[in-house]
Amino acid sequence: MKILLDEMFAGLKEYFEALGYSVVTAQEVGLKSVKDREIVEYAKLHDLLLITQDAKPAELAELTGVKCVLVSKAMIAQVADTKIRELYL
C-alpha cells in the first residue's frame, strides 16, 4: 500500500517505511500549504492512502472515495491511555 502523509505527519515517514509501506509526504510532492482539495485529488490520482489529522481533507476524501485515515486527537489520547493503563495502573 502506498501512503501520502499530510504535512503534520511528515516526520513519521521513516516509521511507516520501516513497517513496509511505500510513503511520500505532502512536502515531497509539492503539496506544502495547498488547499485540502488538492491533497485529496493528488491522493486519488496516484491511488494513495492519505493520513491526516485535519477533518476537512478526511471528509473530502470520504466524499470522493479516496482512502484516508484521520488520526484525531481523541485517537491519540486513547492510544496513550491504553499504554498508561498497561504500564502503570
N, C-alpha and C. Protein backbone atom coordinates (compact mmCIF):
# COMPACT_ATOMS: atom_id res chain seq x y z
N MET A 1 0.84 -1.18 0.00
CA MET A 1 0.00 0.00 0.00
C MET A 1 0.89 1.24 0.00
N LYS A 2 0.47 2.23 -0.77
CA LYS A 2 1.21 3.49 -0.84
C LYS A 2 0.49 4.53 0.00
N ILE A 3 1.29 5.30 0.73
CA ILE A 3 0.74 6.28 1.67
C ILE A 3 1.20 7.68 1.32
N LEU A 4 0.28 8.63 1.47
CA LEU A 4 0.60 10.06 1.38
C LEU A 4 0.40 10.64 2.78
N LEU A 5 1.48 11.12 3.38
CA LEU A 5 1.40 11.75 4.70
C LEU A 5 1.14 13.24 4.55
N ASP A 6 0.10 13.73 5.17
CA ASP A 6 -0.18 15.16 5.20
C ASP A 6 0.96 15.85 5.96
N GLU A 7 1.04 17.15 5.81
CA GLU A 7 2.19 17.92 6.32
C GLU A 7 2.54 17.63 7.78
N MET A 8 1.54 17.52 8.64
CA MET A 8 1.83 17.37 10.07
C MET A 8 2.44 16.02 10.42
N PHE A 9 2.40 15.06 9.49
CA PHE A 9 2.93 13.73 9.77
C PHE A 9 4.18 13.40 8.96
N ALA A 10 4.79 14.38 8.32
CA ALA A 10 5.99 14.14 7.50
C ALA A 10 7.09 13.44 8.30
N GLY A 11 7.21 13.75 9.57
CA GLY A 11 8.24 13.16 10.41
C GLY A 11 8.04 11.68 10.68
N LEU A 12 6.90 11.14 10.29
CA LEU A 12 6.63 9.72 10.50
C LEU A 12 6.99 8.86 9.30
N LYS A 13 7.50 9.49 8.24
CA LYS A 13 7.79 8.76 7.01
C LYS A 13 8.66 7.52 7.26
N GLU A 14 9.77 7.68 7.95
CA GLU A 14 10.70 6.57 8.18
C GLU A 14 10.05 5.44 8.98
N TYR A 15 9.16 5.79 9.89
CA TYR A 15 8.49 4.78 10.69
C TYR A 15 7.58 3.92 9.82
N PHE A 16 6.79 4.57 8.97
CA PHE A 16 5.91 3.82 8.07
C PHE A 16 6.72 2.99 7.07
N GLU A 17 7.83 3.53 6.61
CA GLU A 17 8.70 2.76 5.71
C GLU A 17 9.26 1.54 6.41
N ALA A 18 9.62 1.69 7.68
CA ALA A 18 10.13 0.56 8.45
C ALA A 18 9.07 -0.53 8.61
N LEU A 19 7.82 -0.12 8.57
CA LEU A 19 6.71 -1.07 8.66
C LEU A 19 6.37 -1.68 7.30
N GLY A 20 7.09 -1.25 6.26
CA GLY A 20 6.93 -1.87 4.95
C GLY A 20 6.09 -1.09 3.95
N TYR A 21 5.70 0.12 4.29
CA TYR A 21 4.88 0.92 3.38
C TYR A 21 5.74 1.76 2.45
N SER A 22 5.21 2.03 1.28
CA SER A 22 5.81 2.99 0.36
C SER A 22 5.18 4.34 0.71
N VAL A 23 6.01 5.34 1.02
CA VAL A 23 5.49 6.58 1.59
C VAL A 23 6.05 7.81 0.88
N VAL A 24 5.15 8.78 0.63
CA VAL A 24 5.57 10.11 0.19
C VAL A 24 4.91 11.11 1.14
N THR A 25 5.55 12.26 1.30
CA THR A 25 4.97 13.31 2.13
C THR A 25 4.41 14.41 1.23
N ALA A 26 3.49 15.16 1.78
CA ALA A 26 2.91 16.27 1.03
C ALA A 26 4.01 17.23 0.57
N GLN A 27 4.99 17.45 1.42
CA GLN A 27 6.08 18.36 1.07
C GLN A 27 6.88 17.83 -0.10
N GLU A 28 7.16 16.54 -0.13
CA GLU A 28 7.97 15.95 -1.19
C GLU A 28 7.33 16.05 -2.57
N VAL A 29 6.02 16.04 -2.61
CA VAL A 29 5.33 16.05 -3.90
C VAL A 29 4.77 17.44 -4.25
N GLY A 30 5.27 18.46 -3.56
CA GLY A 30 4.89 19.84 -3.89
C GLY A 30 3.53 20.27 -3.38
N LEU A 31 3.06 19.65 -2.30
CA LEU A 31 1.74 19.99 -1.77
C LEU A 31 1.80 20.75 -0.44
N LYS A 32 2.93 21.39 -0.18
CA LYS A 32 3.06 22.16 1.06
C LYS A 32 2.16 23.40 0.99
N SER A 33 1.33 23.57 1.99
CA SER A 33 0.45 24.73 2.13
C SER A 33 -0.54 24.89 0.99
N VAL A 34 -0.99 23.77 0.41
CA VAL A 34 -2.01 23.86 -0.65
C VAL A 34 -3.39 23.63 -0.03
N LYS A 35 -4.42 23.84 -0.83
CA LYS A 35 -5.78 23.63 -0.35
C LYS A 35 -6.01 22.15 -0.10
N ASP A 36 -6.86 21.87 0.86
CA ASP A 36 -7.16 20.49 1.23
C ASP A 36 -7.61 19.67 0.02
N ARG A 37 -8.41 20.27 -0.82
CA ARG A 37 -8.93 19.59 -2.01
C ARG A 37 -7.80 19.09 -2.90
N GLU A 38 -6.73 19.87 -3.01
CA GLU A 38 -5.60 19.48 -3.85
C GLU A 38 -4.88 18.25 -3.32
N ILE A 39 -4.77 18.16 -2.00
CA ILE A 39 -4.13 16.99 -1.39
C ILE A 39 -4.97 15.74 -1.66
N VAL A 40 -6.27 15.87 -1.50
CA VAL A 40 -7.17 14.74 -1.73
C VAL A 40 -7.14 14.33 -3.21
N GLU A 41 -7.16 15.30 -4.11
CA GLU A 41 -7.10 15.00 -5.54
C GLU A 41 -5.80 14.29 -5.90
N TYR A 42 -4.70 14.70 -5.31
CA TYR A 42 -3.41 14.06 -5.56
C TYR A 42 -3.44 12.61 -5.10
N ALA A 43 -3.98 12.39 -3.90
CA ALA A 43 -4.08 11.03 -3.37
C ALA A 43 -4.93 10.16 -4.30
N LYS A 44 -6.01 10.70 -4.78
CA LYS A 44 -6.89 9.95 -5.68
C LYS A 44 -6.18 9.64 -7.00
N LEU A 45 -5.56 10.62 -7.59
CA LEU A 45 -4.88 10.47 -8.87
C LEU A 45 -3.78 9.42 -8.81
N HIS A 46 -3.09 9.32 -7.67
CA HIS A 46 -1.96 8.41 -7.53
C HIS A 46 -2.29 7.16 -6.70
N ASP A 47 -3.57 6.96 -6.41
CA ASP A 47 -4.04 5.81 -5.64
C ASP A 47 -3.27 5.65 -4.33
N LEU A 48 -3.25 6.73 -3.55
CA LEU A 48 -2.55 6.76 -2.27
C LEU A 48 -3.55 6.80 -1.12
N LEU A 49 -3.18 6.21 -0.01
CA LEU A 49 -3.95 6.33 1.21
C LEU A 49 -3.45 7.59 1.93
N LEU A 50 -4.34 8.51 2.18
CA LEU A 50 -3.99 9.77 2.84
C LEU A 50 -4.08 9.60 4.35
N ILE A 51 -3.03 10.01 5.04
CA ILE A 51 -3.05 10.04 6.51
C ILE A 51 -2.96 11.50 6.93
N THR A 52 -3.96 11.94 7.68
CA THR A 52 -4.06 13.35 8.07
C THR A 52 -4.61 13.48 9.48
N GLN A 53 -4.43 14.65 10.05
CA GLN A 53 -5.03 14.97 11.35
C GLN A 53 -6.13 16.02 11.17
N ASP A 54 -6.31 16.47 9.95
CA ASP A 54 -7.31 17.51 9.67
C ASP A 54 -8.62 16.88 9.19
N ALA A 55 -9.71 17.29 9.81
CA ALA A 55 -11.01 16.72 9.48
C ALA A 55 -11.45 17.05 8.05
N LYS A 56 -11.17 18.24 7.57
CA LYS A 56 -11.68 18.64 6.26
C LYS A 56 -11.16 17.76 5.12
N PRO A 57 -9.84 17.53 5.00
CA PRO A 57 -9.42 16.63 3.92
C PRO A 57 -9.94 15.20 4.12
N ALA A 58 -10.08 14.77 5.35
CA ALA A 58 -10.64 13.43 5.61
C ALA A 58 -12.08 13.36 5.12
N GLU A 59 -12.84 14.41 5.37
CA GLU A 59 -14.23 14.44 4.90
C GLU A 59 -14.30 14.52 3.38
N LEU A 60 -13.42 15.32 2.77
CA LEU A 60 -13.37 15.40 1.31
C LEU A 60 -12.98 14.04 0.71
N ALA A 61 -12.07 13.36 1.36
CA ALA A 61 -11.65 12.04 0.89
C ALA A 61 -12.84 11.07 0.94
N GLU A 62 -13.58 11.10 2.03
CA GLU A 62 -14.74 10.23 2.16
C GLU A 62 -15.76 10.51 1.06
N LEU A 63 -16.01 11.79 0.79
CA LEU A 63 -16.98 12.17 -0.24
C LEU A 63 -16.56 11.74 -1.65
N THR A 64 -15.26 11.68 -1.89
CA THR A 64 -14.78 11.40 -3.25
C THR A 64 -14.20 9.99 -3.40
N GLY A 65 -14.34 9.16 -2.38
CA GLY A 65 -13.90 7.78 -2.47
C GLY A 65 -12.40 7.57 -2.37
N VAL A 66 -11.71 8.51 -1.72
CA VAL A 66 -10.26 8.40 -1.54
C VAL A 66 -10.00 7.71 -0.20
N LYS A 67 -9.07 6.76 -0.20
CA LYS A 67 -8.71 6.07 1.04
C LYS A 67 -8.04 7.08 1.98
N CYS A 68 -8.47 7.06 3.24
CA CYS A 68 -7.96 8.05 4.18
C CYS A 68 -8.05 7.53 5.61
N VAL A 69 -7.05 7.88 6.42
CA VAL A 69 -7.10 7.62 7.85
C VAL A 69 -6.98 8.97 8.55
N LEU A 70 -7.98 9.29 9.33
CA LEU A 70 -7.98 10.51 10.13
C LEU A 70 -7.43 10.16 11.51
N VAL A 71 -6.28 10.70 11.86
CA VAL A 71 -5.67 10.48 13.17
C VAL A 71 -6.09 11.65 14.05
N SER A 72 -7.16 11.46 14.78
CA SER A 72 -7.70 12.54 15.60
C SER A 72 -6.96 12.64 16.93
N LYS A 73 -7.16 13.75 17.59
CA LYS A 73 -6.58 13.93 18.92
C LYS A 73 -7.18 12.91 19.89
N ALA A 74 -8.45 12.58 19.70
CA ALA A 74 -9.09 11.58 20.56
C ALA A 74 -8.43 10.22 20.35
N MET A 75 -8.08 9.88 19.11
CA MET A 75 -7.41 8.61 18.83
C MET A 75 -6.04 8.56 19.52
N ILE A 76 -5.31 9.65 19.46
CA ILE A 76 -4.00 9.72 20.10
C ILE A 76 -4.15 9.57 21.62
N ALA A 77 -5.14 10.23 22.19
CA ALA A 77 -5.38 10.13 23.63
C ALA A 77 -5.75 8.71 24.02
N GLN A 78 -6.54 8.02 23.21
CA GLN A 78 -6.93 6.64 23.51
C GLN A 78 -5.71 5.71 23.49
N VAL A 79 -4.85 5.89 22.52
CA VAL A 79 -3.64 5.07 22.43
C VAL A 79 -2.76 5.32 23.66
N ALA A 80 -2.59 6.59 24.01
CA ALA A 80 -1.77 6.92 25.19
C ALA A 80 -2.41 6.36 26.46
N ASP A 81 -3.71 6.48 26.59
CA ASP A 81 -4.42 5.96 27.76
C ASP A 81 -4.23 4.45 27.88
N THR A 82 -4.35 3.74 26.79
CA THR A 82 -4.16 2.29 26.80
C THR A 82 -2.76 1.93 27.27
N LYS A 83 -1.77 2.64 26.78
CA LYS A 83 -0.38 2.37 27.16
C LYS A 83 -0.14 2.71 28.64
N ILE A 84 -0.68 3.84 29.10
CA ILE A 84 -0.55 4.24 30.51
C ILE A 84 -1.14 3.15 31.41
N ARG A 85 -2.33 2.70 31.07
CA ARG A 85 -3.01 1.67 31.88
C ARG A 85 -2.22 0.37 31.87
N GLU A 86 -1.69 0.02 30.71
CA GLU A 86 -0.91 -1.22 30.57
C GLU A 86 0.38 -1.18 31.41
N LEU A 87 1.03 -0.04 31.43
CA LEU A 87 2.32 0.06 32.09
C LEU A 87 2.27 0.48 33.57
N TYR A 88 1.29 1.32 33.92
CA TYR A 88 1.36 1.96 35.24
C TYR A 88 0.13 1.80 36.13
N LEU A 89 -0.91 1.22 35.64
CA LEU A 89 -2.10 1.09 36.50
C LEU A 89 -2.45 -0.36 36.76
